[in-house]
């Protein structure tokens, strides 16, 4: 029994040191762990229904814009965007050279398709308040608020 207690104590003392040594090599790398059961809908942005799946989506998918520290909207797939004076129309210009995992280019048609396909938990409210996106060029698309006015 004494031998078992010694091994348990040794493991408890060494475990934090071993875990600390297992960190990333690069100082700008983040290791992220979440205890959850993965289900197929977690991988499809159009099917997102709960907050846990957003954590998975952020690791796998890029948005047109995304929140970052100090910026509620930061560039992601969009290199730039503009807002009409009345706040009802948003024009996005996509970054050049962005590709899907299979090598196909990401176009404004793809952004429009994703917007229209979304049917997750916030779909009704989003589609009631935001007009469908309109493709202007392969790299630019626009989306605007519906006649119900701007959202807050």
C-alpha atoms as a PDB file:
ATOM      1  CA  UNK A   1       0.000   0.000   0.000  1.00  0.00           C
ATOM      2  CA  UNK A   2       2.878   2.358   0.794  1.00  0.00           C
ATOM      3  CA  UNK A   3       4.344   1.780  -2.650  1.00  0.00           C
ATOM      4  CA  UNK A   4       0.986   2.632  -4.302  1.00  0.00           C
ATOM      5  CA  UNK A   5       0.679   5.808  -2.230  1.00  0.00           C
ATOM      6  CA  UNK A   6       4.210   6.824  -3.245  1.00  0.00           C
ATOM      7  CA  UNK A   7       3.399   6.348  -6.946  1.00  0.00           C
ATOM      8  CA  UNK A   8       0.147   8.330  -6.629  1.00  0.00           C
ATOM      9  CA  UNK A   9       1.897  11.202  -4.832  1.00  0.00           C
ATOM     10  CA  UNK A  10       4.707  11.208  -7.400  1.00  0.00           C
ATOM     11  CA  UNK A  11       2.187  11.375 -10.246  1.00  0.00           C
ATOM     12  CA  UNK A  12       0.290  14.205  -8.579  1.00  0.00           C
ATOM     13  CA  UNK A  13       3.497  16.173  -8.104  1.00  0.00           C
ATOM     14  CA  UNK A  14       4.848  15.501 -11.611  1.00  0.00           C
ATOM     15  CA  UNK A  15       1.591  15.904 -13.580  1.00  0.00           C
ATOM     16  CA  UNK A  16       1.600  19.739 -13.609  1.00  0.00           C
ATOM     17  CA  UNK A  17       5.248  19.813 -14.648  1.00  0.00           C
ATOM     18  CA  UNK A  18       4.614  17.349 -17.460  1.00  0.00           C
ATOM     19  CA  UNK A  19       1.558  19.304 -18.630  1.00  0.00           C
ATOM     20  CA  UNK A  20       3.515  22.587 -18.604  1.00  0.00           C
ATOM     21  CA  UNK A  21       6.204  21.025 -20.772  1.00  0.00           C
ATOM     22  CA  UNK A  22       3.611  19.907 -23.313  1.00  0.00           C
ATOM     23  CA  UNK A  23       2.724  23.486 -24.331  1.00  0.00           C
ATOM     24  CA  UNK A  24       3.017  24.933 -27.849  1.00  0.00           C
ATOM     25  CA  UNK A  25       6.419  25.666 -29.340  1.00  0.00           C
ATOM     26  CA  UNK A  26       5.372  28.990 -30.862  1.00  0.00           C
ATOM     27  CA  UNK A  27       4.435  31.846 -28.505  1.00  0.00           C
ATOM     28  CA  UNK A  28       1.603  32.931 -30.828  1.00  0.00           C
ATOM     29  CA  UNK A  29      -0.059  29.501 -30.849  1.00  0.00           C
ATOM     30  CA  UNK A  30      -3.144  28.858 -28.749  1.00  0.00           C
ATOM     31  CA  UNK A  31      -4.120  25.393 -27.587  1.00  0.00           C
ATOM     32  CA  UNK A  32      -7.848  25.181 -27.025  1.00  0.00           C
ATOM     33  CA  UNK A  33      -9.766  22.312 -25.454  1.00  0.00           C
ATOM     34  CA  UNK A  34     -13.507  21.964 -24.949  1.00  0.00           C
ATOM     35  CA  UNK A  35     -15.224  19.071 -23.252  1.00  0.00           C
ATOM     36  CA  UNK A  36     -18.233  18.349 -25.457  1.00  0.00           C
ATOM     37  CA  UNK A  37     -19.731  15.638 -27.579  1.00  0.00           C
ATOM     38  CA  UNK A  38     -19.444  16.465 -31.260  1.00  0.00           C
ATOM     39  CA  UNK A  39     -22.552  15.995 -33.362  1.00  0.00           C
ATOM     40  CA  UNK A  40     -22.810  16.412 -37.154  1.00  0.00           C
ATOM     41  CA  UNK A  41     -24.734  19.703 -36.963  1.00  0.00           C
ATOM     42  CA  UNK A  42     -21.757  21.311 -35.194  1.00  0.00           C
ATOM     43  CA  UNK A  43     -19.876  21.264 -38.517  1.00  0.00           C
ATOM     44  CA  UNK A  44     -22.583  22.966 -40.608  1.00  0.00           C
ATOM     45  CA  UNK A  45     -23.071  26.711 -40.080  1.00  0.00           C
ATOM     46  CA  UNK A  46     -26.568  26.525 -41.567  1.00  0.00           C
ATOM     47  CA  UNK A  47     -27.681  24.120 -38.824  1.00  0.00           C
ATOM     48  CA  UNK A  48     -26.193  25.883 -35.783  1.00  0.00           C
ATOM     49  CA  UNK A  49     -28.589  25.857 -32.857  1.00  0.00           C
ATOM     50  CA  UNK A  50     -26.588  26.153 -29.629  1.00  0.00           C
ATOM     51  CA  UNK A  51     -23.571  28.102 -28.406  1.00  0.00           C
ATOM     52  CA  UNK A  52     -21.266  25.078 -28.155  1.00  0.00           C
ATOM     53  CA  UNK A  53     -21.381  24.590 -31.918  1.00  0.00           C
ATOM     54  CA  UNK A  54     -20.190  28.171 -32.461  1.00  0.00           C
ATOM     55  CA  UNK A  55     -16.929  27.237 -30.756  1.00  0.00           C
ATOM     56  CA  UNK A  56     -16.440  24.455 -33.305  1.00  0.00           C
ATOM     57  CA  UNK A  57     -17.520  26.668 -36.214  1.00  0.00           C
ATOM     58  CA  UNK A  58     -14.988  29.369 -35.319  1.00  0.00           C
ATOM     59  CA  UNK A  59     -12.255  26.744 -35.584  1.00  0.00           C
ATOM     60  CA  UNK A  60     -13.455  25.416 -38.959  1.00  0.00           C
ATOM     61  CA  UNK A  61     -15.129  28.263 -40.881  1.00  0.00           C
ATOM     62  CA  UNK A  62     -14.435  31.896 -41.682  1.00  0.00           C
ATOM     63  CA  UNK A  63     -17.116  34.557 -41.657  1.00  0.00           C
ATOM     64  CA  UNK A  64     -17.239  37.613 -43.878  1.00  0.00           C
ATOM     65  CA  UNK A  65     -16.313  39.593 -40.747  1.00  0.00           C
ATOM     66  CA  UNK A  66     -15.679  38.419 -37.199  1.00  0.00           C
ATOM     67  CA  UNK A  67     -15.359  39.896 -33.725  1.00  0.00           C
ATOM     68  CA  UNK A  68     -11.813  40.350 -32.469  1.00  0.00           C
ATOM     69  CA  UNK A  69     -10.392  41.918 -29.309  1.00  0.00           C
ATOM     70  CA  UNK A  70     -10.915  45.666 -29.559  1.00  0.00           C
ATOM     71  CA  UNK A  71     -12.982  45.394 -32.764  1.00  0.00           C
ATOM     72  CA  UNK A  72     -16.612  44.304 -32.867  1.00  0.00           C
ATOM     73  CA  UNK A  73     -16.192  43.728 -36.629  1.00  0.00           C
ATOM     74  CA  UNK A  74     -12.791  42.778 -38.020  1.00  0.00           C
ATOM     75  CA  UNK A  75     -11.951  41.640 -41.580  1.00  0.00           C
ATOM     76  CA  UNK A  76     -12.075  37.924 -42.242  1.00  0.00           C
ATOM     77  CA  UNK A  77     -13.208  36.846 -45.717  1.00  0.00           C
ATOM     78  CA  UNK A  78     -13.996  40.488 -46.468  1.00  0.00           C
ATOM     79  CA  UNK A  79     -10.983  42.723 -46.938  1.00  0.00           C
ATOM     80  CA  UNK A  80     -13.211  45.766 -46.631  1.00  0.00           C
ATOM     81  CA  UNK A  81     -16.815  46.853 -46.408  1.00  0.00           C
ATOM     82  CA  UNK A  82     -18.888  49.996 -46.453  1.00  0.00           C
ATOM     83  CA  UNK A  83     -22.218  50.975 -44.972  1.00  0.00           C
ATOM     84  CA  UNK A  84     -24.742  53.247 -46.660  1.00  0.00           C
ATOM     85  CA  UNK A  85     -25.503  56.576 -44.921  1.00  0.00           C
ATOM     86  CA  UNK A  86     -28.890  55.247 -43.752  1.00  0.00           C
ATOM     87  CA  UNK A  87     -27.270  52.071 -42.355  1.00  0.00           C
ATOM     88  CA  UNK A  88     -29.479  49.818 -44.466  1.00  0.00           C
ATOM     89  CA  UNK A  89     -26.991  48.495 -47.041  1.00  0.00           C
ATOM     90  CA  UNK A  90     -23.630  46.828 -46.379  1.00  0.00           C
ATOM     91  CA  UNK A  91     -21.214  46.249 -49.275  1.00  0.00           C
ATOM     92  CA  UNK A  92     -18.468  43.661 -48.727  1.00  0.00           C
ATOM     93  CA  UNK A  93     -15.343  43.209 -50.874  1.00  0.00           C
ATOM     94  CA  UNK A  94     -13.885  39.716 -50.522  1.00  0.00           C
ATOM     95  CA  UNK A  95     -10.164  39.099 -50.111  1.00  0.00           C
ATOM     96  CA  UNK A  96      -8.353  37.955 -53.239  1.00  0.00           C
ATOM     97  CA  UNK A  97      -7.090  34.394 -53.392  1.00  0.00           C
ATOM     98  CA  UNK A  98      -9.359  32.893 -50.716  1.00  0.00           C
ATOM     99  CA  UNK A  99     -10.058  29.233 -51.468  1.00  0.00           C
ATOM    100  CA  UNK A 100     -12.175  26.424 -50.110  1.00  0.00           C
ATOM    101  CA  UNK A 101     -10.471  23.296 -48.779  1.00  0.00           C
ATOM    102  CA  UNK A 102     -10.747  21.709 -52.243  1.00  0.00           C
ATOM    103  CA  UNK A 103      -8.993  24.625 -53.979  1.00  0.00           C
ATOM    104  CA  UNK A 104     -12.078  26.283 -55.490  1.00  0.00           C
ATOM    105  CA  UNK A 105     -12.115  30.090 -55.118  1.00  0.00           C
ATOM    106  CA  UNK A 106     -14.550  31.696 -52.680  1.00  0.00           C
ATOM    107  CA  UNK A 107     -16.818  34.088 -54.591  1.00  0.00           C
ATOM    108  CA  UNK A 108     -19.625  36.508 -53.804  1.00  0.00           C
ATOM    109  CA  UNK A 109     -22.049  33.844 -55.062  1.00  0.00           C
ATOM    110  CA  UNK A 110     -20.790  31.529 -52.299  1.00  0.00           C
ATOM    111  CA  UNK A 111     -21.392  34.213 -49.658  1.00  0.00           C
ATOM    112  CA  UNK A 112     -24.899  34.804 -51.047  1.00  0.00           C
ATOM    113  CA  UNK A 113     -25.603  31.053 -51.018  1.00  0.00           C
ATOM    114  CA  UNK A 114     -24.443  30.716 -47.401  1.00  0.00           C
ATOM    115  CA  UNK A 115     -26.561  33.649 -46.282  1.00  0.00           C
ATOM    116  CA  UNK A 116     -29.670  32.294 -47.999  1.00  0.00           C
ATOM    117  CA  UNK A 117     -29.047  28.721 -46.804  1.00  0.00           C
ATOM    118  CA  UNK A 118     -28.791  29.582 -43.103  1.00  0.00           C
ATOM    119  CA  UNK A 119     -31.681  28.053 -41.162  1.00  0.00           C
ATOM    120  CA  UNK A 120     -30.303  27.879 -37.633  1.00  0.00           C
ATOM    121  CA  UNK A 121     -31.788  29.216 -34.428  1.00  0.00           C
ATOM    122  CA  UNK A 122     -31.539  32.889 -35.481  1.00  0.00           C
ATOM    123  CA  UNK A 123     -32.697  32.416 -39.093  1.00  0.00           C
ATOM    124  CA  UNK A 124     -36.225  33.775 -38.702  1.00  0.00           C
ATOM    125  CA  UNK A 125     -35.136  36.990 -36.977  1.00  0.00           C
ATOM    126  CA  UNK A 126     -32.245  37.508 -39.386  1.00  0.00           C
ATOM    127  CA  UNK A 127     -34.304  36.951 -42.508  1.00  0.00           C
ATOM    128  CA  UNK A 128     -37.163  39.109 -41.207  1.00  0.00           C
ATOM    129  CA  UNK A 129     -34.793  42.052 -40.722  1.00  0.00           C
ATOM    130  CA  UNK A 130     -32.175  41.668 -43.454  1.00  0.00           C
ATOM    131  CA  UNK A 131     -32.849  41.670 -47.179  1.00  0.00           C
ATOM    132  CA  UNK A 132     -31.209  38.964 -49.293  1.00  0.00           C
ATOM    133  CA  UNK A 133     -27.695  39.637 -50.475  1.00  0.00           C
ATOM    134  CA  UNK A 134     -27.140  40.835 -54.004  1.00  0.00           C
ATOM    135  CA  UNK A 135     -24.083  39.793 -55.962  1.00  0.00           C
ATOM    136  CA  UNK A 136     -22.433  42.741 -57.697  1.00  0.00           C
ATOM    137  CA  UNK A 137     -19.124  41.273 -58.907  1.00  0.00           C
ATOM    138  CA  UNK A 138     -17.286  38.008 -58.230  1.00  0.00           C
ATOM    139  CA  UNK A 139     -15.595  39.737 -55.245  1.00  0.00           C
ATOM    140  CA  UNK A 140     -18.339  42.089 -54.028  1.00  0.00           C
ATOM    141  CA  UNK A 141     -21.767  41.515 -52.602  1.00  0.00           C
ATOM    142  CA  UNK A 142     -24.292  43.660 -50.790  1.00  0.00           C
ATOM    143  CA  UNK A 143     -26.837  42.965 -48.120  1.00  0.00           C
ATOM    144  CA  UNK A 144     -29.369  45.358 -46.702  1.00  0.00           C
ATOM    145  CA  UNK A 145     -31.973  45.671 -44.024  1.00  0.00           C
ATOM    146  CA  UNK A 146     -35.528  45.054 -45.074  1.00  0.00           C
ATOM    147  CA  UNK A 147     -38.304  47.609 -45.055  1.00  0.00           C
ATOM    148  CA  UNK A 148     -38.688  46.981 -41.324  1.00  0.00           C
ATOM    149  CA  UNK A 149     -35.742  49.292 -40.729  1.00  0.00           C
ATOM    150  CA  UNK A 150     -32.291  48.885 -39.267  1.00  0.00           C
ATOM    151  CA  UNK A 151     -31.652  46.380 -36.509  1.00  0.00           C
ATOM    152  CA  UNK A 152     -30.175  47.352 -33.199  1.00  0.00           C
END
